Amino acid sequence: MDEQVRVTREGRVLVVVLDRPKANAIDIATSQKLGAAFAMLRDDPDLSVGVLTGAGEKIFSAGWDLKAVDSGEMQMDNWWEDDYGPGGFAGLTEMWDLNKPVIGALNGLVIGGGFEMALGCDLLIAADHVEFALPELPLGLIPDAGAIQRLPRRLPYNKAMEMFLLGERMSAADAAQYGLVNKVVPADKLMETAMEWANRLSNVAPLALQSLKEVLRAIDGKTIRDSFDVMRTADLPIYRKLLASDDASEGVNAFVEKRDAKFTGQ
């Protein structure tokens, strides 16, 4: 797609690598390329899962390209009115119709908007040297491209506020302890682990894999009772298709017959 955003297919897995030295910062053009990559994942029936990582071992992403902001290439006031491409900033923070899971393979510092991009992923695997930080306040800014919206739901409120207000860095080990990341691995095992998880997911029935995110998004913020009502009455096309699918029958038959299921996405 572009040397700044390298996209490769490995079976049913789409691997997206952000490669924009020195800090993997994201300007409008890079955001658009990331959005195009995740739109490809969303729209291609032959793809089941995405893996997002950064080039190198030092920085996953430093987020917003402040040099581009300072030069006037990116506006500060109502920044969301710039064309960041499908999915909003970084192509992932507001892609509400992406029902396929994305694994973030965090290879280095996860800073500012890079942290917000990571929060848009569904599973996070971090190299053991990774650190997380939100340094916006000393710059006269706030992290409003996903961190304010998501981080207090992932961390205890006071810990999230510590990161917002004080800009303290959080280690990968502490992030795992708080449940912010799923797994911490040595740096040389990062992509191996991410691809192992991605390949496992790629063998899941496609409709089941996609309906999970569709339903979770629809019931977000609902009571348990209302969540049942939403699942039974709301417009959830993938979930409805799943329930009536050949794959659902195939999965049950394969279990009973003690064989591997052969899913077709139908």
Protein backbone atom coordinates (compact mmCIF):
# COMPACT_ATOMS: atom_id res chain seq x y z
CA MET A 1 0.00 0.00 0.00
CA ASP A 2 2.81 2.42 0.96
CA GLU A 3 6.19 2.18 2.62
CA GLN A 4 4.84 4.20 5.57
CA VAL A 5 2.01 1.72 6.02
CA ARG A 6 3.06 -1.74 4.89
CA VAL A 7 0.26 -4.23 4.39
CA THR A 8 0.72 -7.96 3.82
CA ARG A 9 -1.61 -10.95 3.76
CA GLU A 10 -0.73 -14.15 5.56
CA GLY A 11 -3.61 -16.51 4.85
CA ARG A 12 -6.71 -14.95 6.40
CA VAL A 13 -4.61 -12.50 8.44
CA LEU A 14 -3.88 -8.91 7.38
CA VAL A 15 -0.63 -7.59 8.88
CA VAL A 16 -0.37 -3.78 9.05
CA VAL A 17 3.01 -2.25 9.89
CA LEU A 18 3.35 1.47 10.66
CA ASP A 19 6.81 2.45 9.40
CA ARG A 20 7.36 6.19 9.59
CA PRO A 21 10.72 6.98 11.18
CA LYS A 22 11.73 8.22 13.63
CA ALA A 23 8.67 8.04 15.89
CA ASN A 24 5.97 6.41 13.75
CA ALA A 25 4.01 9.63 14.14
CA ILE A 26 0.72 9.93 12.28
CA ASP A 27 -0.14 12.78 9.92
CA ILE A 28 -3.27 12.98 7.80
CA ALA A 29 -1.83 11.03 4.86
CA THR A 30 -0.62 8.23 7.14
CA SER A 31 -3.97 8.12 8.92
CA GLN A 32 -5.73 7.77 5.57
CA LYS A 33 -3.44 4.87 4.62
CA LEU A 34 -4.11 3.15 7.92
CA GLY A 35 -7.83 3.67 7.39
CA ALA A 36 -7.60 2.14 3.93
CA ALA A 37 -5.84 -0.90 5.39
CA PHE A 38 -8.51 -1.47 8.03
CA ALA A 39 -11.25 -0.88 5.46
CA MET A 40 -9.64 -3.66 3.42
CA LEU A 41 -9.80 -5.93 6.47
CA ARG A 42 -13.44 -4.96 7.03
CA ASP A 43 -14.57 -5.50 3.45
CA ASP A 44 -12.60 -8.52 2.21
CA PRO A 45 -14.45 -11.79 2.98
CA ASP A 46 -11.17 -13.70 2.66
CA LEU A 47 -9.72 -11.84 5.68
CA SER A 48 -10.67 -12.71 9.26
CA VAL A 49 -8.31 -10.82 11.57
CA GLY A 50 -5.81 -7.98 11.56
CA VAL A 51 -2.45 -7.55 13.29
CA LEU A 52 -1.17 -4.00 13.84
CA THR A 53 2.42 -3.25 14.82
CA GLY A 54 5.13 -0.63 14.38
CA ALA A 55 8.47 -0.93 12.67
CA GLY A 56 11.55 -1.20 14.84
CA GLU A 57 11.78 -1.90 18.56
CA LYS A 58 11.76 1.58 20.12
CA ILE A 59 8.40 3.18 19.30
CA PHE A 60 5.06 1.66 18.40
CA SER A 61 3.76 5.15 17.69
CA ALA A 62 4.16 8.61 19.17
CA GLY A 63 0.71 9.50 17.86
CA TRP A 64 -0.23 12.86 16.37
CA ASP A 65 2.47 14.35 14.14
CA LEU A 66 3.06 17.58 16.08
CA LYS A 67 5.42 18.92 13.40
CA ALA A 68 2.57 18.71 10.89
CA VAL A 69 0.29 20.47 13.37
CA ASP A 70 2.86 23.19 14.00
CA SER A 71 3.36 23.76 10.26
CA GLY A 72 -0.38 24.13 9.69
CA GLU A 73 -0.75 20.89 7.70
CA MET A 74 -3.14 19.65 10.39
CA GLN A 75 -5.59 21.91 12.18
CA MET A 76 -5.96 22.07 15.93
CA ASP A 77 -9.42 23.61 16.22
CA ASN A 78 -12.07 20.99 15.38
CA TRP A 79 -9.26 18.69 14.28
CA TRP A 80 -11.76 15.93 13.46
CA GLU A 81 -13.00 17.96 10.51
CA ASP A 82 -9.78 17.14 8.64
CA ASP A 83 -10.08 14.05 6.44
CA TYR A 84 -8.30 11.39 8.47
CA GLY A 85 -9.89 8.71 6.29
CA PRO A 86 -12.22 5.86 7.19
CA GLY A 87 -11.99 5.05 10.86
CA GLY A 88 -11.03 8.53 12.04
CA PHE A 89 -7.62 9.25 13.53
CA ALA A 90 -5.14 6.43 12.86
CA GLY A 91 -7.76 4.57 10.84
CA LEU A 92 -8.99 2.61 13.84
CA THR A 93 -10.20 4.88 16.62
CA GLU A 94 -13.67 5.39 15.08
CA MET A 95 -14.20 2.53 12.65
CA TRP A 96 -17.49 1.46 14.18
CA ASP A 97 -18.35 -1.06 11.46
CA LEU A 98 -15.14 -3.10 11.73
CA ASN A 99 -16.44 -6.37 13.11
CA LYS A 100 -13.23 -8.34 12.60
CA PRO A 101 -10.79 -8.42 15.53
CA VAL A 102 -7.51 -6.51 15.47
CA ILE A 103 -4.53 -7.61 17.54
CA GLY A 104 -2.13 -4.86 18.55
CA ALA A 105 1.47 -6.13 18.68
CA LEU A 106 3.11 -3.36 20.67
CA ASN A 107 6.80 -3.23 19.82
CA GLY A 108 7.90 -0.08 21.65
CA LEU A 109 6.75 3.11 23.35
CA VAL A 110 2.98 3.61 23.12
CA ILE A 111 2.59 7.36 23.41
CA GLY A 112 -0.27 9.85 23.04
CA GLY A 113 -2.22 9.16 19.87
CA GLY A 114 -0.29 5.91 19.48
CA PHE A 115 -1.82 4.84 22.79
CA GLU A 116 -5.24 5.84 21.45
CA MET A 117 -4.66 3.76 18.32
CA ALA A 118 -3.72 0.78 20.51
CA LEU A 119 -6.91 1.25 22.55
CA GLY A 120 -8.84 0.79 19.31
CA CYS A 121 -7.53 -2.78 19.06
CA ASP A 122 -9.37 -5.78 20.51
CA LEU A 123 -6.39 -7.68 21.90
CA LEU A 124 -3.02 -6.25 22.97
CA ILE A 125 0.29 -8.09 23.20
CA ALA A 126 3.22 -6.02 24.45
CA ALA A 127 6.95 -6.59 24.28
CA ASP A 128 8.39 -6.58 27.79
CA HIS A 129 10.21 -3.25 27.34
CA VAL A 130 7.08 -1.33 26.26
CA GLU A 131 5.86 1.70 28.18
CA PHE A 132 2.59 3.66 27.87
CA ALA A 133 2.11 7.40 28.37
CA LEU A 134 -0.26 10.27 27.63
CA PRO A 135 1.86 13.46 27.59
CA GLU A 136 -0.80 15.78 26.17
CA LEU A 137 -1.49 18.03 29.18
CA PRO A 138 1.99 19.63 29.32
CA LEU A 139 1.51 20.43 25.61
CA GLY A 140 -1.72 22.27 26.36
CA LEU A 141 -3.81 19.44 24.87
CA ILE A 142 -5.94 16.53 26.01
CA PRO A 143 -6.00 12.98 24.56
CA ASP A 144 -9.38 13.27 22.84
CA ALA A 145 -8.95 10.75 20.00
CA GLY A 146 -9.85 7.74 22.11
CA ALA A 147 -8.02 7.81 25.44
CA ILE A 148 -10.55 9.96 27.30
CA GLN A 149 -13.33 7.83 25.86
CA ARG A 150 -11.78 4.39 26.46
CA LEU A 151 -9.06 4.42 29.12
CA PRO A 152 -11.32 4.96 32.18
CA ARG A 153 -13.21 1.85 31.05
CA ARG A 154 -10.00 -0.20 30.92
CA LEU A 155 -8.28 1.02 34.09
CA PRO A 156 -9.49 1.98 37.57
CA TYR A 157 -10.68 5.58 37.34
CA ASN A 158 -7.96 7.01 39.60
CA LYS A 159 -5.21 5.22 37.66
CA ALA A 160 -6.55 6.57 34.39
CA MET A 161 -6.63 10.05 35.90
CA GLU A 162 -3.02 9.64 37.04
CA MET A 163 -2.02 8.94 33.45
CA PHE A 164 -4.10 11.87 32.16
CA LEU A 165 -3.05 14.45 34.75
CA LEU A 166 0.52 13.52 35.62
CA GLY A 167 1.64 11.93 32.36
CA GLU A 168 3.23 9.08 34.30
CA ARG A 169 4.55 6.20 32.23
CA MET A 170 3.14 2.73 32.79
CA SER A 171 5.30 -0.34 32.20
CA ALA A 172 4.14 -3.34 30.22
CA ALA A 173 4.18 -5.41 33.41
CA ASP A 174 1.91 -2.93 35.22
CA ALA A 175 -0.36 -2.71 32.16
CA ALA A 176 -0.76 -6.49 32.27
CA GLN A 177 -1.46 -6.38 36.02
CA TYR A 178 -4.26 -3.87 35.44
CA GLY A 179 -5.62 -5.88 32.50
CA LEU A 180 -4.80 -3.15 29.98
CA VAL A 181 -2.84 -5.63 27.86
CA ASN A 182 -3.55 -9.31 27.41
CA LYS A 183 0.00 -10.62 27.39
CA VAL A 184 3.61 -9.50 27.80
CA VAL A 185 6.32 -11.36 25.88
CA PRO A 186 10.02 -10.93 25.07
CA ALA A 187 10.50 -8.60 22.11
CA ASP A 188 11.78 -11.39 19.88
CA LYS A 189 8.57 -13.37 20.50
CA LEU A 190 6.15 -10.50 19.84
CA MET A 191 5.13 -11.13 16.24
CA GLU A 192 5.33 -14.89 16.67
CA THR A 193 2.82 -14.67 19.51
CA ALA A 194 0.57 -12.20 17.66
CA MET A 195 0.50 -14.41 14.56
CA GLU A 196 -0.19 -17.50 16.64
CA TRP A 197 -3.25 -15.77 18.12
CA ALA A 198 -4.30 -14.41 14.72
CA ASN A 199 -4.09 -17.83 13.08
CA ARG A 200 -6.18 -19.35 15.86
CA LEU A 201 -8.83 -16.70 15.28
CA SER A 202 -8.71 -17.18 11.52
CA ASN A 203 -9.93 -20.76 12.04
CA VAL A 204 -13.06 -19.59 13.89
CA ALA A 205 -16.33 -19.49 11.93
CA PRO A 206 -16.28 -16.03 10.27
CA LEU A 207 -19.86 -15.13 11.20
CA ALA A 208 -19.30 -16.06 14.85
CA LEU A 209 -16.09 -14.02 14.95
CA GLN A 210 -17.77 -10.95 13.48
CA SER A 211 -21.07 -11.16 15.33
CA LEU A 212 -19.25 -11.02 18.65
CA LYS A 213 -18.06 -7.44 18.04
CA GLU A 214 -21.37 -6.48 16.45
CA VAL A 215 -23.31 -7.57 19.53
CA LEU A 216 -20.83 -6.16 22.05
CA ARG A 217 -21.02 -2.76 20.38
CA ALA A 218 -24.83 -2.84 20.34
CA ILE A 219 -25.16 -3.67 24.06
CA ASP A 220 -22.42 -1.29 25.26
CA GLY A 221 -23.72 0.71 28.23
CA LYS A 222 -26.93 -1.31 28.55
CA THR A 223 -28.19 -3.12 31.62
CA ILE A 224 -28.06 -6.90 31.47
CA ARG A 225 -31.82 -7.10 30.95
CA ASP A 226 -31.74 -4.47 28.19
CA SER A 227 -28.81 -6.30 26.58
CA PHE A 228 -30.98 -9.38 26.14
CA ASP A 229 -33.69 -7.24 24.59
CA VAL A 230 -31.21 -5.61 22.18
CA MET A 231 -29.93 -8.99 21.03
CA ARG A 232 -33.46 -10.21 20.37
CA THR A 233 -34.95 -7.12 18.75
CA ALA A 234 -32.21 -4.84 17.36
CA ASP A 235 -30.94 -4.73 13.79
CA LEU A 236 -27.97 -7.10 14.09
CA PRO A 237 -27.59 -8.57 10.60
CA ILE A 238 -24.44 -10.61 11.20
CA TYR A 239 -25.79 -12.13 14.41
CA ARG A 240 -29.08 -13.02 12.69
CA LYS A 241 -27.18 -14.57 9.78
CA LEU A 242 -25.02 -16.53 12.21
CA LEU A 243 -27.99 -18.12 13.97
CA ALA A 244 -29.41 -19.39 10.67
CA SER A 245 -26.04 -20.28 9.13
CA ASP A 246 -24.69 -23.56 7.80
CA ASP A 247 -21.58 -22.88 9.88
CA ALA A 248 -23.57 -23.02 13.14
CA SER A 249 -24.92 -26.44 12.17
CA GLU A 250 -21.50 -27.55 10.98
CA GLY A 251 -19.88 -26.60 14.28
CA VAL A 252 -22.38 -28.63 16.28
CA ASN A 253 -22.15 -31.61 13.88
CA ALA A 254 -18.35 -31.55 13.99
CA PHE A 255 -18.36 -31.55 17.78
CA VAL A 256 -20.77 -34.48 17.96
CA GLU A 257 -18.82 -36.40 15.30
CA LYS A 258 -15.48 -35.57 16.96
CA ARG A 259 -13.92 -34.00 13.86
CA ASP A 260 -12.58 -30.61 12.82
CA ALA A 261 -15.27 -28.26 11.58
CA LYS A 262 -15.11 -26.93 8.01
CA PHE A 263 -16.47 -23.40 8.10
CA THR A 264 -17.41 -21.51 4.95
CA GLY A 265 -18.78 -18.24 6.31
CA GLN A 266 -22.28 -19.20 5.14
